[in-house]
Amino acid sequence: MDNNSERRYSNHQVRAAKPAEGVQFAEIEGVAALVNTKTRIGVYDPYDEIILPGAFDDCLKDDIRCLFNHGEDKILARSQNGEGTLKVFINPDGHLAYKYTTPNRSYALDIQDAIEKGDVNQSSFQFRIKEQSWVWGDKSKGEVDLRKIMKVEKLYDVSPVTFPAYPDTSVAKRSYEEARQADRPDESY
């Protein structure tokens, strides 16, 4: 990972398809990122963020891992150049989705059980921005700024998570402050 990577989460459900009779391993499917959906980032100085359709088109063949809680020690599947045990794709609704079959690892079976029971039901993804734009809101009117993500440069992982990553990451905040300062150098924040 690099210092410019960011994490976001999706409230879209992760689910396990019921395994066939006598089969222990389920197919797990989740939506890691929603497009055309505004998300509020931050608490004290919030802004909205929207991922535009096509943002992930150039990174679906990256070396992408499916990790539990973004933990490098809990690898569930992997896709390299679009091949492997992990399928990362744009679903019919245009959202970033993923799918894998539970591997024969004790922790993976525990995670499958937690997903089947609904204890783990959210996803997250880690990425690096390639192209973005900002629409500055009028603070005097209570408007918040809007970050539009047009292209993702690198998709590191998609992850079923217990607690979604808090969307006010330091990298996102630094990117926001740098963009504001560049576009509005005379204003203090």
N, C-alpha and C. Protein backbone atom coordinates (compact mmCIF):
# COMPACT_ATOMS: atom_id res chain seq x y z
N MET A 1 0.84 -1.18 0.00
CA MET A 1 0.00 0.00 0.00
C MET A 1 0.88 1.24 0.00
N ASP A 2 0.35 2.31 -0.50
CA ASP A 2 1.11 3.54 -0.46
C ASP A 2 0.38 4.54 0.44
N ASN A 3 1.03 5.65 0.73
CA ASN A 3 0.46 6.64 1.64
C ASN A 3 -0.69 7.44 1.05
N ASN A 4 -0.94 7.28 -0.25
CA ASN A 4 -2.04 8.00 -0.88
C ASN A 4 -3.27 7.15 -1.07
N SER A 5 -3.30 5.96 -0.48
CA SER A 5 -4.49 5.12 -0.63
C SER A 5 -5.57 5.57 0.34
N GLU A 6 -6.81 5.35 -0.06
CA GLU A 6 -7.97 5.72 0.74
C GLU A 6 -8.87 4.51 0.89
N ARG A 7 -9.68 4.51 1.93
CA ARG A 7 -10.66 3.45 2.13
C ARG A 7 -12.04 4.04 2.20
N ARG A 8 -12.99 3.33 1.61
CA ARG A 8 -14.40 3.70 1.68
C ARG A 8 -15.19 2.44 1.95
N TYR A 9 -16.40 2.62 2.42
CA TYR A 9 -17.23 1.46 2.69
C TYR A 9 -18.57 1.58 1.98
N SER A 10 -19.22 0.45 1.89
CA SER A 10 -20.53 0.37 1.27
C SER A 10 -21.49 -0.26 2.26
N ASN A 11 -22.65 0.32 2.43
CA ASN A 11 -23.67 -0.29 3.27
C ASN A 11 -24.44 -1.36 2.52
N HIS A 12 -24.06 -1.57 1.27
CA HIS A 12 -24.71 -2.60 0.47
C HIS A 12 -24.33 -3.95 1.05
N GLN A 13 -25.24 -4.84 1.11
CA GLN A 13 -25.06 -6.09 1.82
C GLN A 13 -24.08 -7.04 1.16
N VAL A 14 -23.32 -7.72 2.01
CA VAL A 14 -22.50 -8.86 1.61
C VAL A 14 -23.35 -10.07 1.93
N ARG A 15 -23.38 -11.04 1.03
CA ARG A 15 -24.20 -12.21 1.29
C ARG A 15 -23.50 -13.47 0.84
N ALA A 16 -23.94 -14.56 1.42
CA ALA A 16 -23.42 -15.87 1.06
C ALA A 16 -24.53 -16.66 0.40
N ALA A 17 -24.23 -17.21 -0.76
CA ALA A 17 -25.19 -18.10 -1.41
C ALA A 17 -25.17 -19.43 -0.67
N LYS A 18 -26.32 -19.99 -0.44
CA LYS A 18 -26.40 -21.25 0.30
C LYS A 18 -25.66 -22.34 -0.47
N PRO A 19 -24.70 -22.99 0.18
CA PRO A 19 -23.96 -24.06 -0.51
C PRO A 19 -24.89 -25.24 -0.83
N ALA A 20 -24.54 -25.97 -1.86
CA ALA A 20 -25.30 -27.16 -2.21
C ALA A 20 -25.21 -28.17 -1.07
N GLU A 21 -26.17 -29.06 -1.02
CA GLU A 21 -26.22 -30.10 0.02
C GLU A 21 -24.87 -30.83 0.11
N GLY A 22 -24.33 -30.89 1.31
CA GLY A 22 -23.08 -31.59 1.53
C GLY A 22 -21.83 -30.78 1.18
N VAL A 23 -22.02 -29.57 0.64
CA VAL A 23 -20.88 -28.73 0.29
C VAL A 23 -20.69 -27.69 1.39
N GLN A 24 -19.48 -27.50 1.80
CA GLN A 24 -19.18 -26.63 2.92
C GLN A 24 -18.88 -25.19 2.50
N PHE A 25 -18.41 -25.01 1.28
CA PHE A 25 -17.91 -23.71 0.86
C PHE A 25 -18.97 -22.92 0.09
N ALA A 26 -19.28 -21.73 0.56
CA ALA A 26 -20.30 -20.88 -0.08
C ALA A 26 -19.65 -19.89 -1.03
N GLU A 27 -20.46 -19.40 -1.96
CA GLU A 27 -20.04 -18.30 -2.80
C GLU A 27 -20.43 -17.01 -2.09
N ILE A 28 -19.47 -16.17 -1.87
CA ILE A 28 -19.67 -14.90 -1.18
C ILE A 28 -19.67 -13.79 -2.23
N GLU A 29 -20.64 -12.90 -2.12
CA GLU A 29 -20.74 -11.80 -3.08
C GLU A 29 -21.03 -10.51 -2.34
N GLY A 30 -20.39 -9.44 -2.76
CA GLY A 30 -20.61 -8.15 -2.13
C GLY A 30 -20.48 -7.01 -3.11
N VAL A 31 -20.98 -5.86 -2.72
CA VAL A 31 -20.81 -4.63 -3.48
C VAL A 31 -19.87 -3.76 -2.67
N ALA A 32 -18.72 -3.45 -3.25
CA ALA A 32 -17.69 -2.69 -2.54
C ALA A 32 -17.87 -1.19 -2.68
N ALA A 33 -18.43 -0.74 -3.81
CA ALA A 33 -18.57 0.71 -4.04
C ALA A 33 -19.81 0.98 -4.88
N LEU A 34 -20.55 1.98 -4.47
CA LEU A 34 -21.73 2.42 -5.21
C LEU A 34 -21.37 3.62 -6.06
N VAL A 35 -21.82 3.64 -7.30
CA VAL A 35 -21.61 4.81 -8.16
C VAL A 35 -22.87 5.67 -8.14
N ASN A 36 -22.69 6.94 -8.48
CA ASN A 36 -23.80 7.90 -8.52
C ASN A 36 -24.56 8.01 -7.21
N THR A 37 -23.85 7.81 -6.11
CA THR A 37 -24.44 7.90 -4.78
C THR A 37 -23.59 8.83 -3.93
N LYS A 38 -24.19 9.88 -3.40
CA LYS A 38 -23.43 10.80 -2.55
C LYS A 38 -23.18 10.18 -1.19
N THR A 39 -21.96 10.37 -0.73
CA THR A 39 -21.56 9.92 0.60
C THR A 39 -20.97 11.11 1.34
N ARG A 40 -21.38 11.32 2.57
CA ARG A 40 -20.82 12.40 3.40
C ARG A 40 -19.52 11.90 4.00
N ILE A 41 -18.45 12.67 3.79
CA ILE A 41 -17.13 12.35 4.30
C ILE A 41 -16.79 13.38 5.37
N GLY A 42 -16.41 12.89 6.53
CA GLY A 42 -16.00 13.78 7.60
C GLY A 42 -17.13 14.24 8.48
N VAL A 43 -16.75 14.76 9.62
CA VAL A 43 -17.72 15.22 10.61
C VAL A 43 -17.57 16.72 10.85
N TYR A 44 -16.38 17.17 11.15
CA TYR A 44 -16.18 18.57 11.56
C TYR A 44 -16.12 19.53 10.38
N ASP A 45 -15.59 19.09 9.27
CA ASP A 45 -15.54 19.90 8.06
C ASP A 45 -15.94 18.98 6.91
N PRO A 46 -17.21 18.59 6.85
CA PRO A 46 -17.62 17.55 5.91
C PRO A 46 -17.67 18.03 4.46
N TYR A 47 -17.58 17.06 3.58
CA TYR A 47 -17.84 17.28 2.16
C TYR A 47 -18.54 16.04 1.63
N ASP A 48 -19.18 16.16 0.50
CA ASP A 48 -19.83 15.02 -0.13
C ASP A 48 -18.89 14.46 -1.19
N GLU A 49 -19.05 13.17 -1.44
CA GLU A 49 -18.24 12.50 -2.45
C GLU A 49 -19.16 11.62 -3.28
N ILE A 50 -18.89 11.60 -4.58
CA ILE A 50 -19.64 10.75 -5.49
C ILE A 50 -18.66 10.08 -6.44
N ILE A 51 -18.82 8.79 -6.64
CA ILE A 51 -18.00 8.05 -7.59
C ILE A 51 -18.80 7.96 -8.89
N LEU A 52 -18.21 8.42 -9.97
CA LEU A 52 -18.92 8.45 -11.24
C LEU A 52 -18.81 7.11 -11.97
N PRO A 53 -19.81 6.78 -12.77
CA PRO A 53 -19.73 5.54 -13.57
C PRO A 53 -18.46 5.54 -14.41
N GLY A 54 -17.83 4.40 -14.51
CA GLY A 54 -16.59 4.28 -15.28
C GLY A 54 -15.34 4.51 -14.46
N ALA A 55 -15.48 4.92 -13.21
CA ALA A 55 -14.31 5.23 -12.39
C ALA A 55 -13.40 4.01 -12.19
N PHE A 56 -13.97 2.83 -12.17
CA PHE A 56 -13.19 1.61 -11.92
C PHE A 56 -12.79 0.86 -13.18
N ASP A 57 -13.19 1.34 -14.34
CA ASP A 57 -12.98 0.59 -15.59
C ASP A 57 -11.53 0.24 -15.86
N ASP A 58 -10.60 1.11 -15.50
CA ASP A 58 -9.19 0.89 -15.82
C ASP A 58 -8.43 0.10 -14.76
N CYS A 59 -9.08 -0.27 -13.67
CA CYS A 59 -8.34 -0.95 -12.60
C CYS A 59 -8.90 -2.33 -12.25
N LEU A 60 -9.83 -2.84 -13.02
CA LEU A 60 -10.42 -4.15 -12.72
C LEU A 60 -9.44 -5.30 -12.90
N LYS A 61 -8.35 -5.06 -13.60
CA LYS A 61 -7.35 -6.11 -13.80
C LYS A 61 -6.11 -5.88 -12.95
N ASP A 62 -6.21 -5.00 -11.97
CA ASP A 62 -5.10 -4.80 -11.03
C ASP A 62 -4.90 -6.08 -10.23
N ASP A 63 -3.83 -6.13 -9.49
CA ASP A 63 -3.60 -7.21 -8.53
C ASP A 63 -4.44 -6.86 -7.30
N ILE A 64 -5.63 -7.44 -7.21
CA ILE A 64 -6.61 -7.08 -6.18
C ILE A 64 -6.80 -8.25 -5.23
N ARG A 65 -6.84 -7.93 -3.97
CA ARG A 65 -7.07 -8.96 -2.97
C ARG A 65 -8.43 -8.76 -2.31
N CYS A 66 -9.01 -9.85 -1.85
CA CYS A 66 -10.18 -9.79 -0.99
C CYS A 66 -9.68 -10.18 0.39
N LEU A 67 -9.74 -9.22 1.31
CA LEU A 67 -9.21 -9.40 2.66
C LEU A 67 -10.34 -9.20 3.67
N PHE A 68 -10.32 -9.89 4.76
CA PHE A 68 -11.29 -9.63 5.81
C PHE A 68 -10.80 -8.46 6.63
N ASN A 69 -11.65 -7.43 6.77
CA ASN A 69 -11.31 -6.23 7.52
C ASN A 69 -10.02 -5.57 7.05
N HIS A 70 -9.70 -5.69 5.76
CA HIS A 70 -8.48 -5.15 5.16
C HIS A 70 -7.22 -5.77 5.76
N GLY A 71 -7.37 -6.86 6.49
CA GLY A 71 -6.22 -7.50 7.15
C GLY A 71 -5.40 -8.34 6.19
N GLU A 72 -4.15 -8.00 6.05
CA GLU A 72 -3.27 -8.72 5.12
C GLU A 72 -3.08 -10.17 5.53
N ASP A 73 -3.38 -10.50 6.78
CA ASP A 73 -3.23 -11.88 7.24
C ASP A 73 -4.51 -12.69 7.06
N LYS A 74 -5.55 -12.10 6.50
CA LYS A 74 -6.83 -12.79 6.30
C LYS A 74 -7.25 -12.70 4.83
N ILE A 75 -6.40 -13.25 3.96
CA ILE A 75 -6.72 -13.21 2.53
C ILE A 75 -7.76 -14.28 2.21
N LEU A 76 -8.80 -13.85 1.51
CA LEU A 76 -9.90 -14.73 1.14
C LEU A 76 -9.81 -15.14 -0.33
N ALA A 77 -9.32 -14.24 -1.18
CA ALA A 77 -9.20 -14.51 -2.61
C ALA A 77 -8.33 -13.44 -3.24
N ARG A 78 -7.94 -13.68 -4.49
CA ARG A 78 -7.07 -12.74 -5.18
C ARG A 78 -7.31 -12.80 -6.69
N SER A 79 -7.23 -11.65 -7.32
CA SER A 79 -7.36 -11.55 -8.77
C SER A 79 -6.12 -10.86 -9.30
N GLN A 80 -5.47 -11.48 -10.27
CA GLN A 80 -4.32 -10.89 -10.93
C GLN A 80 -4.62 -10.86 -12.42
N ASN A 81 -4.63 -9.67 -12.97
CA ASN A 81 -4.92 -9.49 -14.39
C ASN A 81 -6.28 -10.10 -14.77
N GLY A 82 -7.24 -9.98 -13.86
CA GLY A 82 -8.58 -10.48 -14.12
C GLY A 82 -8.77 -11.97 -13.92
N GLU A 83 -7.73 -12.67 -13.48
CA GLU A 83 -7.78 -14.12 -13.28
C GLU A 83 -7.51 -14.44 -11.82
N GLY A 84 -8.05 -15.55 -11.36
CA GLY A 84 -7.76 -16.01 -10.01
C GLY A 84 -9.01 -16.41 -9.26
N THR A 85 -8.90 -16.46 -7.97
CA THR A 85 -10.00 -16.91 -7.12
C THR A 85 -10.99 -15.81 -6.78
N LEU A 86 -10.67 -14.58 -7.13
CA LEU A 86 -11.54 -13.43 -6.88
C LEU A 86 -12.03 -12.87 -8.21
N LYS A 87 -13.31 -12.62 -8.29
CA LYS A 87 -13.88 -11.95 -9.46
C LYS A 87 -14.29 -10.54 -9.02
N VAL A 88 -13.73 -9.53 -9.66
CA VAL A 88 -14.07 -8.13 -9.39
C VAL A 88 -14.68 -7.60 -10.69
N PHE A 89 -15.87 -7.02 -10.59
CA PHE A 89 -16.59 -6.65 -11.79
C PHE A 89 -17.55 -5.50 -11.53
N ILE A 90 -18.05 -4.94 -12.61
CA ILE A 90 -19.10 -3.92 -12.52
C ILE A 90 -20.42 -4.68 -12.68
N ASN A 91 -21.30 -4.58 -11.68
CA ASN A 91 -22.55 -5.33 -11.73
C ASN A 91 -23.56 -4.63 -12.65
N PRO A 92 -24.72 -5.24 -12.90
CA PRO A 92 -25.69 -4.65 -13.82
C PRO A 92 -26.17 -3.25 -13.42
N ASP A 93 -26.07 -2.92 -12.13
CA ASP A 93 -26.46 -1.58 -11.68
C ASP A 93 -25.32 -0.57 -11.82
N GLY A 94 -24.14 -1.04 -12.27
CA GLY A 94 -23.01 -0.15 -12.48
C GLY A 94 -22.09 -0.01 -11.28
N HIS A 95 -22.34 -0.77 -10.20
CA HIS A 95 -21.54 -0.67 -8.98
C HIS A 95 -20.36 -1.65 -9.02
N LEU A 96 -19.33 -1.35 -8.24
CA LEU A 96 -18.17 -2.23 -8.12
C LEU A 96 -18.54 -3.40 -7.21
N ALA A 97 -18.48 -4.60 -7.76
CA ALA A 97 -18.87 -5.80 -7.01
C ALA A 97 -17.74 -6.81 -7.01
N TYR A 98 -17.85 -7.79 -6.12
CA TYR A 98 -16.85 -8.85 -6.05
C TYR A 98 -17.53 -10.15 -5.66
N LYS A 99 -16.83 -11.25 -5.98
CA LYS A 99 -17.36 -12.58 -5.70
C LYS A 99 -16.20 -13.54 -5.52
N TYR A 100 -16.34 -14.44 -4.57
CA TYR A 100 -15.34 -15.50 -4.38
C TYR A 100 -16.03 -16.69 -3.73
N THR A 101 -15.40 -17.85 -3.86
CA THR A 101 -15.86 -19.05 -3.16
C THR A 101 -14.98 -19.20 -1.93
N THR A 102 -15.60 -19.46 -0.79
CA THR A 102 -14.85 -19.59 0.46
C THR A 102 -13.72 -20.60 0.29
N PRO A 103 -12.49 -20.18 0.59
CA PRO A 103 -11.37 -21.12 0.51
C PRO A 103 -11.34 -22.03 1.74
N ASN A 104 -10.62 -23.12 1.64
CA ASN A 104 -10.52 -24.10 2.72
C ASN A 104 -9.48 -23.64 3.75
N ARG A 105 -9.84 -22.60 4.47
CA ARG A 105 -9.01 -22.04 5.54
C ARG A 105 -9.91 -21.82 6.74
N SER A 106 -9.46 -22.12 7.91
CA SER A 106 -10.34 -22.05 9.09
C SER A 106 -10.93 -20.66 9.28
N TYR A 107 -10.13 -19.61 9.16
CA TYR A 107 -10.66 -18.26 9.34
C TYR A 107 -11.69 -17.92 8.26
N ALA A 108 -11.48 -18.43 7.03
CA ALA A 108 -12.43 -18.15 5.94
C ALA A 108 -13.79 -18.80 6.22
N LEU A 109 -13.77 -19.98 6.80
CA LEU A 109 -15.02 -20.65 7.16
C LEU A 109 -15.71 -19.89 8.29
N ASP A 110 -14.95 -19.35 9.22
CA ASP A 110 -15.53 -18.51 10.29
C ASP A 110 -16.16 -17.25 9.70
N ILE A 111 -15.49 -16.64 8.73
CA ILE A 111 -16.03 -15.44 8.09
C ILE A 111 -17.29 -15.79 7.30
N GLN A 112 -17.29 -16.92 6.60
CA GLN A 112 -18.48 -17.37 5.88
C GLN A 112 -19.65 -17.51 6.86
N ASP A 113 -19.41 -18.11 8.00
CA ASP A 113 -20.46 -18.28 9.01
C ASP A 113 -20.98 -16.93 9.48
N ALA A 114 -20.08 -15.98 9.73
CA ALA A 114 -20.49 -14.65 10.18
C ALA A 114 -21.32 -13.93 9.12
N ILE A 115 -20.98 -14.13 7.85
CA ILE A 115 -21.75 -13.52 6.76
C ILE A 115 -23.11 -14.20 6.65
N GLU A 116 -23.13 -15.52 6.72
CA GLU A 116 -24.40 -16.25 6.64
C GLU A 116 -25.36 -15.85 7.76
N LYS A 117 -24.82 -15.59 8.93
CA LYS A 117 -25.66 -15.23 10.08
C LYS A 117 -26.01 -13.74 10.10
N GLY A 118 -25.40 -12.95 9.21
CA GLY A 118 -25.68 -11.52 9.15
C GLY A 118 -24.85 -10.68 10.10
N ASP A 119 -23.88 -11.29 10.77
CA ASP A 119 -23.02 -10.54 11.69
C ASP A 119 -22.02 -9.66 10.94
N VAL A 120 -21.62 -10.10 9.77
CA VAL A 120 -20.78 -9.31 8.87
C VAL A 120 -21.62 -9.06 7.63
N ASN A 121 -21.92 -7.79 7.34
CA ASN A 121 -22.82 -7.53 6.22
C ASN A 121 -22.48 -6.26 5.44
N GLN A 122 -21.26 -5.76 5.59
CA GLN A 122 -20.86 -4.57 4.85
C GLN A 122 -19.52 -4.83 4.17
N SER A 123 -19.22 -3.97 3.21
CA SER A 123 -17.97 -4.09 2.46
C SER A 123 -17.21 -2.78 2.49
N SER A 124 -15.95 -2.87 2.13
CA SER A 124 -15.09 -1.71 2.05
C SER A 124 -14.12 -1.95 0.90
N PHE A 125 -13.52 -0.89 0.42
CA PHE A 125 -12.50 -1.03 -0.62
C PHE A 125 -11.41 -0.02 -0.37
N GLN A 126 -10.20 -0.35 -0.83
CA GLN A 126 -9.06 0.55 -0.69
C GLN A 126 -8.54 0.87 -2.07
N PHE A 127 -8.26 2.15 -2.31
CA PHE A 127 -7.96 2.62 -3.66
C PHE A 127 -7.07 3.85 -3.63
N ARG A 128 -6.58 4.21 -4.82
CA ARG A 128 -5.84 5.46 -5.02
C ARG A 128 -6.49 6.20 -6.18
N ILE A 129 -6.67 7.48 -6.02
CA ILE A 129 -7.33 8.34 -7.01
C ILE A 129 -6.41 8.63 -8.19
N LYS A 130 -6.98 8.65 -9.38
CA LYS A 130 -6.27 9.09 -10.57
C LYS A 130 -6.80 10.44 -11.04
N GLU A 131 -8.13 10.56 -11.09
CA GLU A 131 -8.73 11.79 -11.60
C GLU A 131 -9.94 12.15 -10.74
N GLN A 132 -9.97 13.42 -10.33
CA GLN A 132 -11.07 13.92 -9.51
C GLN A 132 -11.33 15.38 -9.84
N SER A 133 -12.50 15.85 -9.44
CA SER A 133 -12.79 17.27 -9.56
C SER A 133 -13.58 17.69 -8.33
N TRP A 134 -13.57 18.97 -8.07
CA TRP A 134 -14.26 19.51 -6.89
C TRP A 134 -15.26 20.57 -7.32
N VAL A 135 -16.40 20.56 -6.69
CA VAL A 135 -17.40 21.62 -6.84
C VAL A 135 -17.49 22.26 -5.46
N TRP A 136 -17.13 23.54 -5.39
CA TRP A 136 -17.06 24.20 -4.08
C TRP A 136 -18.43 24.76 -3.71
N GLY A 137 -18.91 24.36 -2.53
CA GLY A 137 -20.18 24.85 -2.03
C GLY A 137 -20.02 26.22 -1.40
N ASP A 138 -21.11 26.95 -1.31
CA ASP A 138 -21.13 28.25 -0.67
C ASP A 138 -21.39 28.02 0.82
N LYS A 139 -20.36 28.11 1.63
CA LYS A 139 -20.46 27.85 3.07
C LYS A 139 -21.45 28.77 3.75
N SER A 140 -21.56 30.01 3.24
CA SER A 140 -22.51 30.96 3.86
C SER A 140 -23.96 30.53 3.67
N LYS A 141 -24.20 29.65 2.71
CA LYS A 141 -25.55 29.13 2.47
C LYS A 141 -25.71 27.71 3.02
N GLY A 142 -24.70 27.26 3.76
CA GLY A 142 -24.76 25.92 4.35
C GLY A 142 -24.45 24.80 3.36
N GLU A 143 -23.91 25.15 2.21
CA GLU A 143 -23.58 24.13 1.21
C GLU A 143 -22.24 23.48 1.54
N VAL A 144 -22.13 22.21 1.23
CA VAL A 144 -20.86 21.52 1.41
C VAL A 144 -20.21 21.32 0.05
N ASP A 145 -18.91 21.14 0.07
CA ASP A 145 -18.16 20.90 -1.15
C ASP A 145 -18.46 19.48 -1.65
N LEU A 146 -18.24 19.26 -2.94
CA LEU A 146 -18.51 17.97 -3.56
C LEU A 146 -17.27 17.50 -4.31
N ARG A 147 -16.80 16.31 -3.96
CA ARG A 147 -15.68 15.68 -4.65
C ARG A 147 -16.27 14.65 -5.61
N LYS A 148 -15.87 14.75 -6.87
CA LYS A 148 -16.29 13.78 -7.88
C LYS A 148 -15.08 12.93 -8.26
N ILE A 149 -15.21 11.63 -8.05
CA ILE A 149 -14.13 10.71 -8.43
C ILE A 149 -14.45 10.19 -9.83
N MET A 150 -13.61 10.59 -10.78
CA MET A 150 -13.82 10.18 -12.16
C MET A 150 -13.06 8.91 -12.52
N LYS A 151 -11.85 8.77 -12.00
CA LYS A 151 -11.03 7.60 -12.30
C LYS A 151 -10.25 7.16 -11.07
N VAL A 152 -10.23 5.87 -10.85
CA VAL A 152 -9.42 5.26 -9.80
C VAL A 152 -8.16 4.72 -10.48
N GLU A 153 -7.01 5.09 -9.92
CA GLU A 153 -5.74 4.65 -10.50
C GLU A 153 -5.40 3.22 -10.10
N LYS A 154 -5.66 2.88 -8.84
CA LYS A 154 -5.28 1.58 -8.31
C LYS A 154 -6.35 1.11 -7.34
N LEU A 155 -6.79 -0.13 -7.51
CA LEU A 155 -7.71 -0.77 -6.57
C LEU A 155 -6.90 -1.83 -5.84
N TYR A 156 -6.70 -1.64 -4.54
CA TYR A 156 -5.86 -2.55 -3.76
C TYR A 156 -6.64 -3.75 -3.26
N ASP A 157 -7.79 -3.48 -2.64
CA ASP A 157 -8.55 -4.60 -2.10
C ASP A 157 -10.03 -4.26 -1.98
N VAL A 158 -10.81 -5.32 -1.91
CA VAL A 158 -12.22 -5.27 -1.56
C VAL A 158 -12.35 -6.17 -0.34
N SER A 159 -13.16 -5.76 0.63
CA SER A 159 -13.16 -6.48 1.89
C SER A 159 -14.53 -6.54 2.53
N PRO A 160 -14.98 -7.74 2.92
CA PRO A 160 -16.10 -7.79 3.85
C PRO A 160 -15.56 -7.29 5.20
N VAL A 161 -16.34 -6.45 5.88
CA VAL A 161 -15.83 -5.83 7.11
C VAL A 161 -16.83 -5.89 8.25
N THR A 162 -16.28 -5.96 9.45
CA THR A 162 -17.08 -5.92 10.67
C THR A 162 -17.54 -4.50 10.94
N PHE A 163 -16.60 -3.58 10.94
CA PHE A 163 -16.87 -2.16 11.09
C PHE A 163 -16.30 -1.47 9.86
N PRO A 164 -17.15 -0.84 9.07
CA PRO A 164 -16.62 -0.16 7.88
C PRO A 164 -15.60 0.91 8.27
N ALA A 165 -14.63 1.08 7.41
CA ALA A 165 -13.62 2.11 7.65
C ALA A 165 -14.31 3.46 7.76
N TYR A 166 -13.95 4.23 8.76
CA TYR A 166 -14.54 5.56 8.91
C TYR A 166 -14.15 6.39 7.70
N PRO A 167 -15.12 7.00 7.04
CA PRO A 167 -14.82 7.65 5.77
C PRO A 167 -13.96 8.91 5.86
N ASP A 168 -13.62 9.39 7.02
CA ASP A 168 -12.79 10.58 7.14
C ASP A 168 -11.33 10.18 7.30
N THR A 169 -10.76 9.57 6.26
CA THR A 169 -9.38 9.12 6.33
C THR A 169 -8.44 10.31 6.21
N SER A 170 -7.25 10.15 6.72
CA SER A 170 -6.29 11.25 6.66
C SER A 170 -5.91 11.57 5.21
N VAL A 171 -5.82 10.58 4.35
CA VAL A 171 -5.47 10.83 2.96
C VAL A 171 -6.58 11.62 2.28
N ALA A 172 -7.84 11.23 2.52
CA ALA A 172 -8.96 11.95 1.91
C ALA A 172 -8.97 13.39 2.41
N LYS A 173 -8.74 13.59 3.69
CA LYS A 173 -8.74 14.92 4.27
C LYS A 173 -7.60 15.76 3.68
N ARG A 174 -6.41 15.17 3.55
CA ARG A 174 -5.27 15.87 2.99
C ARG A 174 -5.56 16.26 1.54
N SER A 175 -6.14 15.34 0.76
CA SER A 175 -6.48 15.63 -0.64
C SER A 175 -7.48 16.78 -0.72
N TYR A 176 -8.46 16.77 0.16
CA TYR A 176 -9.49 17.82 0.21
C TYR A 176 -8.85 19.17 0.53
N GLU A 177 -8.04 19.23 1.57
CA GLU A 177 -7.42 20.49 1.99
C GLU A 177 -6.48 21.03 0.92
N GLU A 178 -5.71 20.14 0.26
CA GLU A 178 -4.81 20.58 -0.81
C GLU A 178 -5.60 21.14 -1.99
N ALA A 179 -6.69 20.49 -2.36
CA ALA A 179 -7.51 20.96 -3.49
C ALA A 179 -8.15 22.30 -3.16
N ARG A 180 -8.66 22.45 -1.95
CA ARG A 180 -9.28 23.73 -1.55
C ARG A 180 -8.27 24.84 -1.58
N GLN A 181 -7.09 24.58 -1.03
CA GLN A 181 -6.06 25.60 -0.96
C GLN A 181 -5.60 26.00 -2.36
N ALA A 182 -5.50 25.03 -3.27
CA ALA A 182 -5.06 25.32 -4.64
C ALA A 182 -6.11 26.16 -5.38
N ASP A 183 -7.40 25.85 -5.19
CA ASP A 183 -8.46 26.55 -5.90
C ASP A 183 -8.87 27.85 -5.22
N ARG A 184 -8.66 27.97 -3.92
CA ARG A 184 -9.09 29.14 -3.16
C ARG A 184 -7.98 29.58 -2.22
N PRO A 185 -6.86 30.06 -2.72
CA PRO A 185 -5.70 30.35 -1.88
C PRO A 185 -5.91 31.50 -0.89
N ASP A 186 -6.87 32.36 -1.14
CA ASP A 186 -7.06 33.51 -0.25
C ASP A 186 -7.98 33.23 0.92
N GLU A 187 -8.62 32.09 0.94
CA GLU A 187 -9.54 31.77 2.03
C GLU A 187 -8.82 30.97 3.10
N SER A 188 -9.21 31.21 4.34
CA SER A 188 -8.65 30.42 5.43
C SER A 188 -9.69 29.38 5.85
N TYR A 189 -9.18 28.22 6.22
CA TYR A 189 -10.07 27.10 6.57
C TYR A 189 -9.77 26.60 7.95
